[in-house]
PDB file of all heavy atoms in Angstrom:
ATOM      1  N   ILE A   1      13.764  51.283 -35.786  1.00  0.00           N
ATOM      2  CA  ILE A   1      15.081  51.142 -35.185  1.00  0.00           C
ATOM      3  C   ILE A   1      16.103  51.563 -36.229  1.00  0.00           C
ATOM      4  O   ILE A   1      16.029  51.159 -37.387  1.00  0.00           O
ATOM      5  CB  ILE A   1      15.344  49.693 -34.744  1.00  0.00           C
ATOM      6  CG1 ILE A   1      14.353  49.269 -33.652  1.00  0.00           C
ATOM      7  CG2 ILE A   1      16.771  49.524 -34.239  1.00  0.00           C
ATOM      8  CD1 ILE A   1      14.468  47.820 -33.252  1.00  0.00           C
ATOM      9  N   SER A   2      17.060  52.391 -35.859  1.00  0.00           N
ATOM     10  CA  SER A   2      18.077  52.863 -36.798  1.00  0.00           C
ATOM     11  C   SER A   2      18.862  51.694 -37.383  1.00  0.00           C
ATOM     12  O   SER A   2      19.004  50.633 -36.756  1.00  0.00           O
ATOM     13  CB  SER A   2      19.033  53.834 -36.111  1.00  0.00           C
ATOM     14  OG  SER A   2      18.333  54.969 -35.643  1.00  0.00           O
ATOM     15  N   GLY A   3      19.369  51.902 -38.601  1.00  0.00           N
ATOM     16  CA  GLY A   3      20.169  50.885 -39.260  1.00  0.00           C
ATOM     17  C   GLY A   3      21.410  51.501 -39.876  1.00  0.00           C
ATOM     18  O   GLY A   3      21.542  52.723 -39.951  1.00  0.00           O
ATOM     19  N   SER A   4      22.328  50.658 -40.319  1.00  0.00           N
ATOM     20  CA  SER A   4      23.560  51.164 -40.905  1.00  0.00           C
ATOM     21  C   SER A   4      24.018  50.266 -42.044  1.00  0.00           C
ATOM     22  O   SER A   4      23.577  49.120 -42.187  1.00  0.00           O
ATOM     23  CB  SER A   4      24.654  51.280 -39.851  1.00  0.00           C
ATOM     24  OG  SER A   4      24.937  50.007 -39.301  1.00  0.00           O
ATOM     25  N   GLY A   5      24.913  50.797 -42.847  1.00  0.00           N
ATOM     26  CA  GLY A   5      25.496  50.061 -43.962  1.00  0.00           C
ATOM     27  C   GLY A   5      26.741  50.781 -44.423  1.00  0.00           C
ATOM     28  O   GLY A   5      27.022  51.906 -44.000  1.00  0.00           O
ATOM     29  N   SER A   6      27.523  50.150 -45.292  1.00  0.00           N
ATOM     30  CA  SER A   6      28.757  50.769 -45.769  1.00  0.00           C
ATOM     31  C   SER A   6      28.983  50.454 -47.237  1.00  0.00           C
ATOM     32  O   SER A   6      28.426  49.488 -47.783  1.00  0.00           O
ATOM     33  CB  SER A   6      29.942  50.298 -44.931  1.00  0.00           C
ATOM     34  OG  SER A   6      30.130  48.898 -45.071  1.00  0.00           O
ATOM     35  N   ALA A   7      29.781  51.287 -47.866  1.00  0.00           N
ATOM     36  CA  ALA A   7      30.142  51.097 -49.272  1.00  0.00           C
ATOM     37  C   ALA A   7      31.579  51.567 -49.459  1.00  0.00           C
ATOM     38  O   ALA A   7      32.042  52.481 -48.767  1.00  0.00           O
ATOM     39  CB  ALA A   7      29.201  51.870 -50.176  1.00  0.00           C
ATOM     40  N   SER A   8      32.304  50.936 -50.394  1.00  0.00           N
ATOM     41  CA  SER A   8      33.712  51.275 -50.630  1.00  0.00           C
ATOM     42  C   SER A   8      33.910  51.769 -52.058  1.00  0.00           C
ATOM     43  O   SER A   8      33.523  51.088 -53.021  1.00  0.00           O
ATOM     44  CB  SER A   8      34.606  50.057 -50.380  1.00  0.00           C
ATOM     45  OG  SER A   8      34.540  49.644 -49.024  1.00  0.00           O
ATOM     46  N   VAL A   9      34.481  52.952 -52.188  1.00  0.00           N
ATOM     47  CA  VAL A   9      34.879  53.488 -53.487  1.00  0.00           C
ATOM     48  C   VAL A   9      36.301  53.009 -53.751  1.00  0.00           C
ATOM     49  O   VAL A   9      37.221  53.297 -52.969  1.00  0.00           O
ATOM     50  CB  VAL A   9      34.816  55.024 -53.504  1.00  0.00           C
ATOM     51  CG1 VAL A   9      35.309  55.565 -54.843  1.00  0.00           C
ATOM     52  CG2 VAL A   9      33.399  55.501 -53.219  1.00  0.00           C
ATOM     53  N   THR A  10      36.509  52.233 -54.844  1.00  0.00           N
ATOM     54  CA  THR A  10      37.822  51.628 -55.101  1.00  0.00           C
ATOM     55  C   THR A  10      38.548  52.232 -56.283  1.00  0.00           C
ATOM     56  O   THR A  10      39.761  52.049 -56.421  1.00  0.00           O
ATOM     57  CB  THR A  10      37.672  50.116 -55.339  1.00  0.00           C
ATOM     58  OG1 THR A  10      36.811  49.900 -56.465  1.00  0.00           O
ATOM     59  CG2 THR A  10      37.096  49.431 -54.090  1.00  0.00           C
ATOM     60  N   LYS A  11      37.807  52.942 -57.143  1.00  0.00           N
ATOM     61  CA  LYS A  11      38.452  53.527 -58.313  1.00  0.00           C
ATOM     62  C   LYS A  11      37.628  54.692 -58.813  1.00  0.00           C
ATOM     63  O   LYS A  11      36.466  54.875 -58.431  1.00  0.00           O
ATOM     64  CB  LYS A  11      38.595  52.480 -59.409  1.00  0.00           C
ATOM     65  CG  LYS A  11      37.273  51.926 -59.940  1.00  0.00           C
ATOM     66  CD  LYS A  11      37.505  50.848 -60.975  1.00  0.00           C
ATOM     67  CE  LYS A  11      36.193  50.311 -61.557  1.00  0.00           C
ATOM     68  NZ  LYS A  11      35.324  49.732 -60.553  1.00  0.00           N
ATOM     69  N   ALA A  12      38.244  55.471 -59.673  1.00  0.00           N
ATOM     70  CA  ALA A  12      37.554  56.624 -60.255  1.00  0.00           C
ATOM     71  C   ALA A  12      36.315  56.173 -61.017  1.00  0.00           C
ATOM     72  O   ALA A  12      36.333  55.164 -61.730  1.00  0.00           O
ATOM     73  CB  ALA A  12      38.489  57.379 -61.200  1.00  0.00           C
ATOM     74  N   GLY A  13      35.230  56.898 -60.836  1.00  0.00           N
ATOM     75  CA  GLY A  13      33.995  56.602 -61.563  1.00  0.00           C
ATOM     76  C   GLY A  13      33.116  55.562 -60.918  1.00  0.00           C
ATOM     77  O   GLY A  13      32.052  55.218 -61.455  1.00  0.00           O
ATOM     78  N   ASP A  14      33.542  55.013 -59.777  1.00  0.00           N
ATOM     79  CA  ASP A  14      32.677  54.047 -59.077  1.00  0.00           C
ATOM     80  C   ASP A  14      31.320  54.671 -58.778  1.00  0.00           C
ATOM     81  O   ASP A  14      31.225  55.817 -58.318  1.00  0.00           O
ATOM     82  CB  ASP A  14      33.328  53.614 -57.764  1.00  0.00           C
ATOM     83  CG  ASP A  14      34.081  52.292 -57.901  1.00  0.00           C
ATOM     84  OD1 ASP A  14      33.995  51.687 -58.976  1.00  0.00           O
ATOM     85  OD2 ASP A  14      34.734  51.890 -56.915  1.00  0.00           O
ATOM     86  N   SER A  15      30.275  53.910 -59.064  1.00  0.00           N
ATOM     87  CA  SER A  15      28.916  54.331 -58.714  1.00  0.00           C
ATOM     88  C   SER A  15      28.282  53.191 -57.933  1.00  0.00           C
ATOM     89  O   SER A  15      27.903  52.164 -58.513  1.00  0.00           O
ATOM     90  CB  SER A  15      28.099  54.655 -59.973  1.00  0.00           C
ATOM     91  OG  SER A  15      26.791  55.061 -59.632  1.00  0.00           O
ATOM     92  N   LEU A  16      28.197  53.347 -56.648  1.00  0.00           N
ATOM     93  CA  LEU A  16      27.805  52.255 -55.763  1.00  0.00           C
ATOM     94  C   LEU A  16      26.451  52.500 -55.115  1.00  0.00           C
ATOM     95  O   LEU A  16      25.980  53.641 -55.011  1.00  0.00           O
ATOM     96  CB  LEU A  16      28.856  52.078 -54.665  1.00  0.00           C
ATOM     97  CG  LEU A  16      30.302  51.893 -55.135  1.00  0.00           C
ATOM     98  CD1 LEU A  16      31.237  51.931 -53.943  1.00  0.00           C
ATOM     99  CD2 LEU A  16      30.459  50.584 -55.907  1.00  0.00           C
ATOM    100  N   THR A  17      25.834  51.427 -54.674  1.00  0.00           N
ATOM    101  CA  THR A  17      24.587  51.537 -53.901  1.00  0.00           C
ATOM    102  C   THR A  17      24.738  50.719 -52.621  1.00  0.00           C
ATOM    103  O   THR A  17      25.476  49.730 -52.569  1.00  0.00           O
ATOM    104  CB  THR A  17      23.370  51.006 -54.676  1.00  0.00           C
ATOM    105  OG1 THR A  17      23.556  49.618 -54.979  1.00  0.00           O
ATOM    106  CG2 THR A  17      23.172  51.796 -55.969  1.00  0.00           C
ATOM    107  N   VAL A  18      24.063  51.134 -51.602  1.00  0.00           N
ATOM    108  CA  VAL A  18      24.015  50.386 -50.348  1.00  0.00           C
ATOM    109  C   VAL A  18      22.582  50.432 -49.837  1.00  0.00           C
ATOM    110  O   VAL A  18      21.911  51.466 -49.945  1.00  0.00           O
ATOM    111  CB  VAL A  18      24.993  50.963 -49.306  1.00  0.00           C
ATOM    112  CG1 VAL A  18      24.678  52.409 -48.986  1.00  0.00           C
ATOM    113  CG2 VAL A  18      24.982  50.121 -48.029  1.00  0.00           C
ATOM    114  N   THR A  19      22.105  49.311 -49.351  1.00  0.00           N
ATOM    115  CA  THR A  19      20.741  49.233 -48.825  1.00  0.00           C
ATOM    116  C   THR A  19      20.796  49.119 -47.305  1.00  0.00           C
ATOM    117  O   THR A  19      21.517  48.279 -46.763  1.00  0.00           O
ATOM    118  CB  THR A  19      19.985  48.023 -49.402  1.00  0.00           C
ATOM    119  OG1 THR A  19      19.912  48.159 -50.822  1.00  0.00           O
ATOM    120  CG2 THR A  19      18.564  47.965 -48.836  1.00  0.00           C
ATOM    121  N   ILE A  20      20.037  49.964 -46.635  1.00  0.00           N
ATOM    122  CA  ILE A  20      19.941  49.937 -45.174  1.00  0.00           C
ATOM    123  C   ILE A  20      18.514  49.540 -44.795  1.00  0.00           C
ATOM    124  O   ILE A  20      17.543  50.149 -45.284  1.00  0.00           O
ATOM    125  CB  ILE A  20      20.293  51.306 -44.563  1.00  0.00           C
ATOM    126  CG1 ILE A  20      21.730  51.698 -44.910  1.00  0.00           C
ATOM    127  CG2 ILE A  20      20.100  51.281 -43.048  1.00  0.00           C
ATOM    128  CD1 ILE A  20      22.111  53.089 -44.445  1.00  0.00           C
ATOM    129  N   TYR A  21      18.387  48.529 -43.982  1.00  0.00           N
ATOM    130  CA  TYR A  21      17.075  48.066 -43.551  1.00  0.00           C
ATOM    131  C   TYR A  21      16.752  48.637 -42.172  1.00  0.00           C
ATOM    132  O   TYR A  21      17.551  48.525 -41.239  1.00  0.00           O
ATOM    133  CB  TYR A  21      17.028  46.540 -43.506  1.00  0.00           C
ATOM    134  CG  TYR A  21      17.119  45.897 -44.873  1.00  0.00           C
ATOM    135  CD1 TYR A  21      18.358  45.497 -45.386  1.00  0.00           C
ATOM    136  CD2 TYR A  21      15.986  45.719 -45.652  1.00  0.00           C
ATOM    137  CE1 TYR A  21      18.446  44.918 -46.647  1.00  0.00           C
ATOM    138  CE2 TYR A  21      16.065  45.142 -46.919  1.00  0.00           C
ATOM    139  CZ  TYR A  21      17.303  44.742 -47.405  1.00  0.00           C
ATOM    140  OH  TYR A  21      17.392  44.181 -48.654  1.00  0.00           O
ATOM    141  N   LEU A  22      15.577  49.252 -42.064  1.00  0.00           N
ATOM    142  CA  LEU A  22      15.105  49.775 -40.792  1.00  0.00           C
ATOM    143  C   LEU A  22      13.993  48.872 -40.267  1.00  0.00           C
ATOM    144  O   LEU A  22      13.081  48.496 -41.006  1.00  0.00           O
ATOM    145  CB  LEU A  22      14.582  51.204 -40.945  1.00  0.00           C
ATOM    146  CG  LEU A  22      15.576  52.250 -41.474  1.00  0.00           C
ATOM    147  CD1 LEU A  22      14.922  53.639 -41.446  1.00  0.00           C
ATOM    148  CD2 LEU A  22      16.853  52.254 -40.664  1.00  0.00           C
ATOM    149  N   THR A  23      14.071  48.537 -39.001  1.00  0.00           N
ATOM    150  CA  THR A  23      13.057  47.669 -38.380  1.00  0.00           C
ATOM    151  C   THR A  23      11.928  48.515 -37.804  1.00  0.00           C
ATOM    152  O   THR A  23      12.168  49.372 -36.953  1.00  0.00           O
ATOM    153  CB  THR A  23      13.683  46.832 -37.252  1.00  0.00           C
ATOM    154  OG1 THR A  23      14.756  46.051 -37.785  1.00  0.00           O
ATOM    155  CG2 THR A  23      12.640  45.911 -36.620  1.00  0.00           C
ATOM    156  N   PRO A  24      10.683  48.301 -38.290  1.00  0.00           N
ATOM    157  CA  PRO A  24       9.555  49.084 -37.762  1.00  0.00           C
ATOM    158  C   PRO A  24       9.272  48.739 -36.308  1.00  0.00           C
ATOM    159  O   PRO A  24       9.338  47.573 -35.911  1.00  0.00           O
ATOM    160  CB  PRO A  24       8.397  48.690 -38.673  1.00  0.00           C
ATOM    161  CG  PRO A  24       8.765  47.352 -39.214  1.00  0.00           C
ATOM    162  CD  PRO A  24      10.256  47.343 -39.323  1.00  0.00           C
ATOM    163  N   ILE A  25       8.968  49.752 -35.518  1.00  0.00           N
ATOM    164  CA  ILE A  25       8.659  49.555 -34.103  1.00  0.00           C
ATOM    165  C   ILE A  25       7.460  50.411 -33.703  1.00  0.00           C
ATOM    166  O   ILE A  25       7.068  51.339 -34.413  1.00  0.00           O
ATOM    167  CB  ILE A  25       9.856  49.913 -33.193  1.00  0.00           C
ATOM    168  CG1 ILE A  25      10.325  51.351 -33.468  1.00  0.00           C
ATOM    169  CG2 ILE A  25      10.993  48.924 -33.365  1.00  0.00           C
ATOM    170  CD1 ILE A  25      11.405  51.839 -32.526  1.00  0.00           C
ATOM    171  N   GLY A  26       6.885  50.074 -32.568  1.00  0.00           N
ATOM    172  CA  GLY A  26       5.778  50.847 -32.005  1.00  0.00           C
ATOM    173  C   GLY A  26       5.797  50.738 -30.499  1.00  0.00           C
ATOM    174  O   GLY A  26       6.782  50.284 -29.899  1.00  0.00           O
ATOM    175  N   SER A  27       4.712  51.122 -29.870  1.00  0.00           N
ATOM    176  CA  SER A  27       4.628  51.061 -28.412  1.00  0.00           C
ATOM    177  C   SER A  27       3.255  50.565 -27.987  1.00  0.00           C
ATOM    178  O   SER A  27       2.280  50.674 -28.739  1.00  0.00           O
ATOM    179  CB  SER A  27       4.894  52.441 -27.799  1.00  0.00           C
ATOM    180  OG  SER A  27       3.862  53.349 -28.142  1.00  0.00           O
ATOM    181  N   VAL A  28       3.208  50.024 -26.791  1.00  0.00           N
ATOM    182  CA  VAL A  28       1.942  49.566 -26.198  1.00  0.00           C
ATOM    183  C   VAL A  28       1.806  50.199 -24.820  1.00  0.00           C
ATOM    184  O   VAL A  28       2.729  50.128 -24.000  1.00  0.00           O
ATOM    185  CB  VAL A  28       1.889  48.030 -26.056  1.00  0.00           C
ATOM    186  CG1 VAL A  28       0.630  47.611 -25.302  1.00  0.00           C
ATOM    187  CG2 VAL A  28       1.934  47.358 -27.418  1.00  0.00           C
ATOM    188  N   THR A  29       0.673  50.835 -24.594  1.00  0.00           N
ATOM    189  CA  THR A  29       0.348  51.347 -23.265  1.00  0.00           C
ATOM    190  C   THR A  29      -0.678  50.425 -22.625  1.00  0.00           C
ATOM    191  O   THR A  29      -1.748  50.184 -23.190  1.00  0.00           O
ATOM    192  CB  THR A  29      -0.209  52.779 -23.330  1.00  0.00           C
ATOM    193  OG1 THR A  29       0.799  53.645 -23.861  1.00  0.00           O
ATOM    194  CG2 THR A  29      -0.596  53.275 -21.942  1.00  0.00           C
ATOM    195  N   VAL A  30      -0.318  49.881 -21.470  1.00  0.00           N
ATOM    196  CA  VAL A  30      -1.199  48.962 -20.740  1.00  0.00           C
ATOM    197  C   VAL A  30      -1.959  49.744 -19.676  1.00  0.00           C
ATOM    198  O   VAL A  30      -1.354  50.415 -18.840  1.00  0.00           O
ATOM    199  CB  VAL A  30      -0.392  47.830 -20.085  1.00  0.00           C
ATOM    200  CG1 VAL A  30      -1.322  46.883 -19.325  1.00  0.00           C
ATOM    201  CG2 VAL A  30       0.412  47.066 -21.139  1.00  0.00           C
ATOM    202  N   TYR A  31      -3.281  49.663 -19.738  1.00  0.00           N
ATOM    203  CA  TYR A  31      -4.140  50.245 -18.710  1.00  0.00           C
ATOM    204  C   TYR A  31      -4.621  49.112 -17.808  1.00  0.00           C
ATOM    205  O   TYR A  31      -5.069  48.070 -18.304  1.00  0.00           O
ATOM    206  CB  TYR A  31      -5.357  50.936 -19.325  1.00  0.00           C
ATOM    207  CG  TYR A  31      -5.034  52.181 -20.108  1.00  0.00           C
ATOM    208  CD1 TYR A  31      -4.633  52.107 -21.438  1.00  0.00           C
ATOM    209  CD2 TYR A  31      -5.142  53.444 -19.531  1.00  0.00           C
ATOM    210  CE1 TYR A  31      -4.334  53.252 -22.171  1.00  0.00           C
ATOM    211  CE2 TYR A  31      -4.853  54.594 -20.241  1.00  0.00           C
ATOM    212  CZ  TYR A  31      -4.452  54.490 -21.566  1.00  0.00           C
ATOM    213  OH  TYR A  31      -4.154  55.620 -22.274  1.00  0.00           O
ATOM    214  N   VAL A  32      -4.534  49.307 -16.497  1.00  0.00           N
ATOM    215  CA  VAL A  32      -5.022  48.304 -15.550  1.00  0.00           C
ATOM    216  C   VAL A  32      -6.193  48.899 -14.788  1.00  0.00           C
ATOM    217  O   VAL A  32      -6.075  49.969 -14.176  1.00  0.00           O
ATOM    218  CB  VAL A  32      -3.907  47.861 -14.576  1.00  0.00           C
ATOM    219  CG1 VAL A  32      -4.444  46.814 -13.603  1.00  0.00           C
ATOM    220  CG2 VAL A  32      -2.721  47.301 -15.358  1.00  0.00           C
ATOM    221  N   ARG A  33      -7.347  48.214 -14.832  1.00  0.00           N
ATOM    222  CA  ARG A  33      -8.573  48.731 -14.221  1.00  0.00           C
ATOM    223  C   ARG A  33      -9.216  47.712 -13.281  1.00  0.00           C
ATOM    224  O   ARG A  33      -9.072  46.500 -13.453  1.00  0.00           O
ATOM    225  CB  ARG A  33      -9.598  49.117 -15.297  1.00  0.00           C
ATOM    226  CG  ARG A  33      -9.186  50.321 -16.138  1.00  0.00           C
ATOM    227  CD  ARG A  33     -10.284  50.673 -17.152  1.00  0.00           C
ATOM    228  NE  ARG A  33      -9.949  51.850 -17.935  1.00  0.00           N
ATOM    229  CZ  ARG A  33     -10.206  53.091 -17.582  1.00  0.00           C
ATOM    230  NH1 ARG A  33     -10.829  53.323 -16.420  1.00  0.00           N
ATOM    231  NH2 ARG A  33      -9.868  54.102 -18.353  1.00  0.00           N
ATOM    232  N   ASP A  34      -9.926  48.238 -12.296  1.00  0.00           N
ATOM    233  CA  ASP A  34     -10.734  47.437 -11.378  1.00  0.00           C
ATOM    234  C   ASP A  34     -11.980  46.988 -12.141  1.00  0.00           C
ATOM    235  O   ASP A  34     -12.731  47.817 -12.662  1.00  0.00           O
ATOM    236  CB  ASP A  34     -11.118  48.293 -10.168  1.00  0.00           C
ATOM    237  CG  ASP A  34     -11.871  47.518  -9.102  1.00  0.00           C
ATOM    238  OD1 ASP A  34     -12.887  46.891  -9.436  1.00  0.00           O
ATOM    239  OD2 ASP A  34     -11.468  47.586  -7.929  1.00  0.00           O
ATOM    240  N   LYS A  35     -12.185  45.681 -12.235  1.00  0.00           N
ATOM    241  CA  LYS A  35     -13.312  45.168 -13.017  1.00  0.00           C
ATOM    242  C   LYS A  35     -14.654  45.569 -12.440  1.00  0.00           C
ATOM    243  O   LYS A  35     -15.644  45.709 -13.165  1.00  0.00           O
ATOM    244  CB  LYS A  35     -13.226  43.640 -13.119  1.00  0.00           C
ATOM    245  CG  LYS A  35     -14.230  43.039 -14.084  1.00  0.00           C
ATOM    246  CD  LYS A  35     -14.007  41.547 -14.265  1.00  0.00           C
ATOM    247  CE  LYS A  35     -14.976  40.968 -15.284  1.00  0.00           C
ATOM    248  NZ  LYS A  35     -14.755  39.505 -15.477  1.00  0.00           N
ATOM    249  N   ALA A  36     -14.708  45.772 -11.132  1.00  0.00           N
ATOM    250  CA  ALA A  36     -15.976  46.111 -10.493  1.00  0.00           C
ATOM    251  C   ALA A  36     -16.326  47.587 -10.656  1.00  0.00           C
ATOM    252  O   ALA A  36     -17.484  47.932 -10.878  1.00  0.00           O
ATOM    253  CB  ALA A  36     -15.934  45.747  -9.009  1.00  0.00           C
ATOM    254  N   THR A  37     -15.336  48.460 -10.558  1.00  0.00           N
ATOM    255  CA  THR A  37     -15.606  49.910 -10.564  1.00  0.00           C
ATOM    256  C   THR A  37     -15.100  50.616 -11.821  1.00  0.00           C
ATOM    257  O   THR A  37     -15.432  51.772 -12.056  1.00  0.00           O
ATOM    258  CB  THR A  37     -14.937  50.582  -9.358  1.00  0.00           C
ATOM    259  OG1 THR A  37     -13.505  50.468  -9.494  1.00  0.00           O
ATOM    260  CG2 THR A  37     -15.369  49.920  -8.065  1.00  0.00           C
ATOM    261  N   ASN A  38     -14.257  49.917 -12.622  1.00  0.00           N
ATOM    262  CA  ASN A  38     -13.627  50.473 -13.822  1.00  0.00           C
ATOM    263  C   ASN A  38     -12.554  51.517 -13.489  1.00  0.00           C
ATOM    264  O   ASN A  38     -11.999  52.159 -14.379  1.00  0.00           O
ATOM    265  CB  ASN A  38     -14.648  51.084 -14.774  1.00  0.00           C
ATOM    266  CG  ASN A  38     -14.149  51.127 -16.206  1.00  0.00           C
ATOM    267  OD1 ASN A  38     -13.566  50.154 -16.695  1.00  0.00           O
ATOM    268  ND2 ASN A  38     -14.355  52.241 -16.892  1.00  0.00           N
ATOM    269  N   ALA A  39     -12.258  51.689 -12.218  1.00  0.00           N
ATOM    270  CA  ALA A  39     -11.238  52.662 -11.818  1.00  0.00           C
ATOM    271  C   ALA A  39      -9.852  52.161 -12.208  1.00  0.00           C
ATOM    272  O   ALA A  39      -9.559  50.963 -12.139  1.00  0.00           O
ATOM    273  CB  ALA A  39     -11.296  52.893 -10.312  1.00  0.00           C
ATOM    274  N   LEU A  40      -8.996  53.086 -12.646  1.00  0.00           N
ATOM    275  CA  LEU A  40      -7.622  52.742 -12.959  1.00  0.00           C
ATOM    276  C   LEU A  40      -6.870  52.404 -11.674  1.00  0.00           C
ATOM    277  O   LEU A  40      -7.089  53.024 -10.632  1.00  0.00           O
ATOM    278  CB  LEU A  40      -6.940  53.899 -13.686  1.00  0.00           C
ATOM    279  CG  LEU A  40      -7.405  54.092 -15.138  1.00  0.00           C
ATOM    280  CD1 LEU A  40      -7.097  55.496 -15.621  1.00  0.00           C
ATOM    281  CD2 LEU A  40      -6.739  53.053 -16.040  1.00  0.00           C
TER     282      LEU A  40
END
């Protein structure tokens, strides 16, 4: 999942870091079958 963050430069020579956390995601495909025949 996309993430965001921000940083502010306040004076000359500022060297800043910002950490953005991304949430891992996946997908599940559900198959439904007839128990007797195995047909979808």
